[in-house]
Protein backbone atom coordinates (compact mmCIF):
# COMPACT_ATOMS: atom_id res chain seq x y z
CA UNK A 1 -42.19 3.74 -6.09
CA UNK A 2 -45.11 1.43 -5.92
CA UNK A 3 -45.70 -0.49 -8.96
CA UNK A 4 -49.39 0.11 -8.31
CA UNK A 5 -50.47 3.82 -9.05
CA UNK A 6 -51.60 5.63 -6.04
CA UNK A 7 -55.27 7.01 -6.37
CA UNK A 8 -55.75 10.40 -5.15
CA UNK A 9 -58.97 12.08 -4.60
CA UNK A 10 -59.66 15.67 -3.95
CA UNK A 11 -62.73 16.97 -2.02
CA UNK A 12 -63.00 20.65 -2.87
CA UNK A 13 -65.17 22.86 -0.73
CA UNK A 14 -64.85 26.15 -2.70
CA UNK A 15 -67.67 28.11 -4.18
CA UNK A 16 -65.45 29.35 -7.19
CA UNK A 17 -64.37 26.87 -9.80
CA UNK A 18 -61.03 28.18 -11.17
CA UNK A 19 -60.41 30.24 -8.16
CA UNK A 20 -57.39 30.07 -5.62
CA UNK A 21 -58.50 26.91 -3.98
CA UNK A 22 -59.34 25.12 -7.06
CA UNK A 23 -55.99 26.07 -8.94
CA UNK A 24 -53.91 25.13 -5.80
CA UNK A 25 -55.66 21.63 -5.81
CA UNK A 26 -55.12 21.33 -9.71
CA UNK A 27 -51.46 21.94 -9.16
CA UNK A 28 -51.26 19.37 -6.48
CA UNK A 29 -53.27 16.76 -8.71
CA UNK A 30 -51.31 17.53 -11.95
CA UNK A 31 -47.90 17.04 -10.04
CA UNK A 32 -49.23 13.76 -8.59
CA UNK A 33 -50.55 12.65 -12.07
CA UNK A 34 -47.11 13.45 -13.57
CA UNK A 35 -45.53 11.22 -10.95
CA UNK A 36 -47.64 8.26 -11.76
CA UNK A 37 -50.81 8.80 -9.59
CA UNK A 38 -54.36 8.35 -10.76
CA UNK A 39 -56.48 11.46 -9.82
CA UNK A 40 -59.97 12.50 -9.20
CA UNK A 41 -61.72 15.72 -7.98
CA UNK A 42 -65.10 16.18 -6.42
CA UNK A 43 -66.55 19.55 -6.30
CA UNK A 44 -69.00 19.62 -3.04
CA UNK A 45 -71.17 22.32 -4.92
CA UNK A 46 -71.92 19.78 -7.60
CA UNK A 47 -73.32 17.31 -5.13
CA UNK A 48 -76.61 17.17 -3.04
CA UNK A 49 -75.76 16.50 0.33
CA UNK A 50 -78.50 16.81 3.16
CA UNK A 51 -77.92 18.34 6.65
CA UNK A 52 -76.98 15.50 9.15
CA UNK A 53 -79.86 15.22 11.54
CA UNK A 54 -77.95 13.55 14.42
CA UNK A 55 -80.08 10.56 14.42
CA UNK A 56 -76.95 8.45 14.79
CA UNK A 57 -78.41 5.47 12.75
CA UNK A 58 -75.26 5.41 10.81
CA UNK A 59 -73.13 4.78 13.98
CA UNK A 60 -74.96 1.58 15.24
CA UNK A 61 -73.54 -0.65 12.83
CA UNK A 62 -70.26 -2.32 14.02
CA UNK A 63 -67.37 -3.00 11.48
CA UNK A 64 -64.79 -1.13 9.36
CA UNK A 65 -67.36 -0.35 6.61
CA UNK A 66 -68.93 3.23 6.74
CA UNK A 67 -72.39 3.25 8.54
CA UNK A 68 -75.43 3.42 6.28
CA UNK A 69 -77.20 6.81 6.48
CA UNK A 70 -81.04 7.11 6.23
CA UNK A 71 -80.82 10.00 3.88
CA UNK A 72 -81.18 9.45 0.09
CA UNK A 73 -78.51 11.72 -1.47
CA UNK A 74 -74.94 11.92 -3.05
CA UNK A 75 -73.04 11.08 0.17
CA UNK A 76 -73.01 7.39 -0.61
CA UNK A 77 -71.29 8.08 -4.00
CA UNK A 78 -68.68 10.48 -2.34
CA UNK A 79 -67.88 7.68 0.25
CA UNK A 80 -67.42 5.31 -2.51
CA UNK A 81 -65.12 7.58 -4.26
CA UNK A 82 -63.11 8.00 -1.04
CA UNK A 83 -63.10 4.24 -0.63
CA UNK A 84 -61.29 4.00 -3.95
CA UNK A 85 -58.63 6.63 -2.94
CA UNK A 86 -55.33 5.80 -1.44
CA UNK A 87 -54.75 9.43 -0.64
CA UNK A 88 -56.97 12.55 -0.31
CA UNK A 89 -56.98 16.26 -0.72
CA UNK A 90 -59.42 18.29 1.43
CA UNK A 91 -59.48 21.79 0.58
CA UNK A 92 -61.63 24.85 1.59
CA UNK A 93 -61.23 28.62 1.64
CA UNK A 94 -61.99 30.35 4.77
CA UNK A 95 -65.63 31.80 5.39
CA UNK A 96 -66.58 33.69 8.54
CA UNK A 97 -63.59 31.83 10.31
CA UNK A 98 -63.97 28.47 9.29
CA UNK A 99 -64.38 26.14 6.51
CA UNK A 100 -67.29 26.80 3.81
CA UNK A 101 -70.97 25.66 4.68
CA UNK A 102 -70.80 22.99 1.97
CA UNK A 103 -67.54 21.53 3.34
CA UNK A 104 -69.05 21.84 7.00
CA UNK A 105 -72.05 19.82 5.78
CA UNK A 106 -69.76 17.19 4.28
CA UNK A 107 -67.72 16.99 7.55
CA UNK A 108 -70.81 16.49 9.69
CA UNK A 109 -71.80 13.58 7.48
CA UNK A 110 -68.63 11.91 8.25
CA UNK A 111 -70.09 10.72 11.45
CA UNK A 112 -70.83 7.58 9.43
CA UNK A 113 -66.92 6.87 10.04
CA UNK A 114 -67.59 6.20 13.65
CA UNK A 115 -69.03 3.21 15.75
CA UNK A 116 -71.09 4.70 18.36
CA UNK A 117 -73.80 2.58 19.72
CA UNK A 118 -76.27 3.94 22.13
CA UNK A 119 -75.08 3.83 25.62
CA UNK A 120 -71.33 4.25 24.73
CA UNK A 121 -69.64 7.25 26.02
CA UNK A 122 -67.82 8.24 23.00
CA UNK A 123 -67.38 7.28 19.25
CA UNK A 124 -64.75 5.10 17.88
CA UNK A 125 -63.24 5.62 14.64
CA UNK A 126 -63.81 2.80 12.13
CA UNK A 127 -60.21 3.27 10.69
CA UNK A 128 -57.85 4.08 13.48
CA UNK A 129 -54.90 2.53 11.70
CA UNK A 130 -54.67 5.59 9.40
CA UNK A 131 -53.65 3.65 5.94
CA UNK A 132 -54.46 6.70 3.84
CA UNK A 133 -52.67 10.00 3.51
CA UNK A 134 -54.04 13.51 3.20
CA UNK A 135 -52.91 16.82 2.10
CA UNK A 136 -55.13 19.91 3.50
CA UNK A 137 -55.34 23.10 1.36
CA UNK A 138 -57.01 26.45 2.88
CA UNK A 139 -56.87 30.17 1.94
CA UNK A 140 -57.78 33.40 3.78
CA UNK A 141 -58.31 37.06 3.08
CA UNK A 142 -55.85 37.69 5.95
CA UNK A 143 -52.31 37.29 6.02
CA UNK A 144 -51.65 33.28 6.62
CA UNK A 145 -50.07 33.97 10.03
CA UNK A 146 -52.84 36.34 11.31
CA UNK A 147 -55.62 34.04 9.89
CA UNK A 148 -54.25 30.94 11.66
CA UNK A 149 -54.44 32.74 14.98
CA UNK A 150 -57.24 35.18 14.68
CA UNK A 151 -59.88 33.71 12.47
CA UNK A 152 -60.32 29.89 13.73
CA UNK A 153 -58.37 26.71 13.24
CA UNK A 154 -59.54 25.85 9.60
CA UNK A 155 -56.78 23.30 9.07
CA UNK A 156 -57.70 21.85 12.31
CA UNK A 157 -61.11 21.04 11.17
CA UNK A 158 -59.89 19.64 7.68
CA UNK A 159 -57.23 17.67 9.59
CA UNK A 160 -60.05 16.23 11.96
CA UNK A 161 -61.96 15.20 8.68
CA UNK A 162 -59.06 13.56 7.32
CA UNK A 163 -58.65 11.59 10.49
CA UNK A 164 -62.23 10.43 10.52
CA UNK A 165 -61.50 9.08 6.87
CA UNK A 166 -58.70 7.16 8.05
CA UNK A 167 -55.85 9.43 6.75
CA UNK A 168 -52.80 10.83 8.29
CA UNK A 169 -51.99 14.29 7.34
CA UNK A 170 -48.55 14.59 5.43
CA UNK A 171 -48.82 18.21 4.30
CA UNK A 172 -50.68 21.41 4.36
CA UNK A 173 -50.84 24.45 2.07
CA UNK A 174 -52.39 27.61 3.45
CA UNK A 175 -52.58 30.64 1.17
CA UNK A 176 -53.06 34.05 2.84
CA UNK A 177 -54.00 37.59 1.27
CA UNK A 178 -56.27 35.62 -1.11
CA UNK A 179 -58.75 38.31 -1.67
CA UNK A 180 -56.77 41.21 -3.11
CA UNK A 181 -58.40 41.08 -6.45
CA UNK A 182 -61.49 39.58 -8.08
CA UNK A 183 -59.75 37.04 -10.11
CA UNK A 184 -56.43 36.46 -8.14
CA UNK A 185 -54.25 33.72 -8.94
CA UNK A 186 -51.79 31.87 -6.67
CA UNK A 187 -48.02 32.82 -6.30
CA UNK A 188 -44.98 30.89 -7.35
CA UNK A 189 -44.20 30.09 -3.78
CA UNK A 190 -47.73 28.33 -3.43
CA UNK A 191 -47.47 26.54 -6.80
CA UNK A 192 -43.94 25.24 -5.68
CA UNK A 193 -45.18 23.69 -2.28
CA UNK A 194 -48.44 22.46 -4.21
CA UNK A 195 -46.31 20.54 -6.67
CA UNK A 196 -44.08 19.15 -4.05
CA UNK A 197 -47.22 18.09 -2.02
CA UNK A 198 -48.58 16.25 -5.29
CA UNK A 199 -45.28 14.68 -5.73
CA UNK A 200 -45.28 13.53 -2.11
CA UNK A 201 -48.78 12.00 -2.36
CA UNK A 202 -47.96 10.12 -5.48
CA UNK A 203 -45.05 8.09 -3.54
CA UNK A 204 -45.47 4.71 -1.95
CA UNK A 205 -48.83 4.19 -0.29
CA UNK A 206 -49.05 3.57 3.63
CA UNK A 207 -49.08 0.18 4.24
């Protein structure tokens, strides 16, 4: 274990506090905290995030720092929290075959993680070395296996967001049949996996 505690930030795109996604994230963070990590959590529904206008002003500045956005909202403070973190948890239920709208807005705003000057054919990630680690959490009303094949690649979107943030995904938790009851909890198997992922995040940071 590293003598310096690992800093873990969860970015949660659910609309239901205390629901399945939120509970799974809490299990991950609780386990990580029990293994010496410092943890924080951001609910995207509690932030003010404007729609990206694709002006690309944030992509014109060279360097490893996130590009400055022209929009005056909470994205800057969210990015500051992400800078604090050594490891991240990205979590969203599946809505209409993909991440929630609030998570999609957050992901679109991550264009600031790229250097993409006018005239360049493609963006370049400002953090290509992947020094952070990430765990992804998702849920679906469909069975987990069916959801992965029939309702879109929600984990793929979250993994792409993690990569944009300079993080290598080290684990995923996908919870199927997540809409059987109005106030449904998570099963013992999901809890066990969540706690193992939390322990894994709390281990020695990527150098």
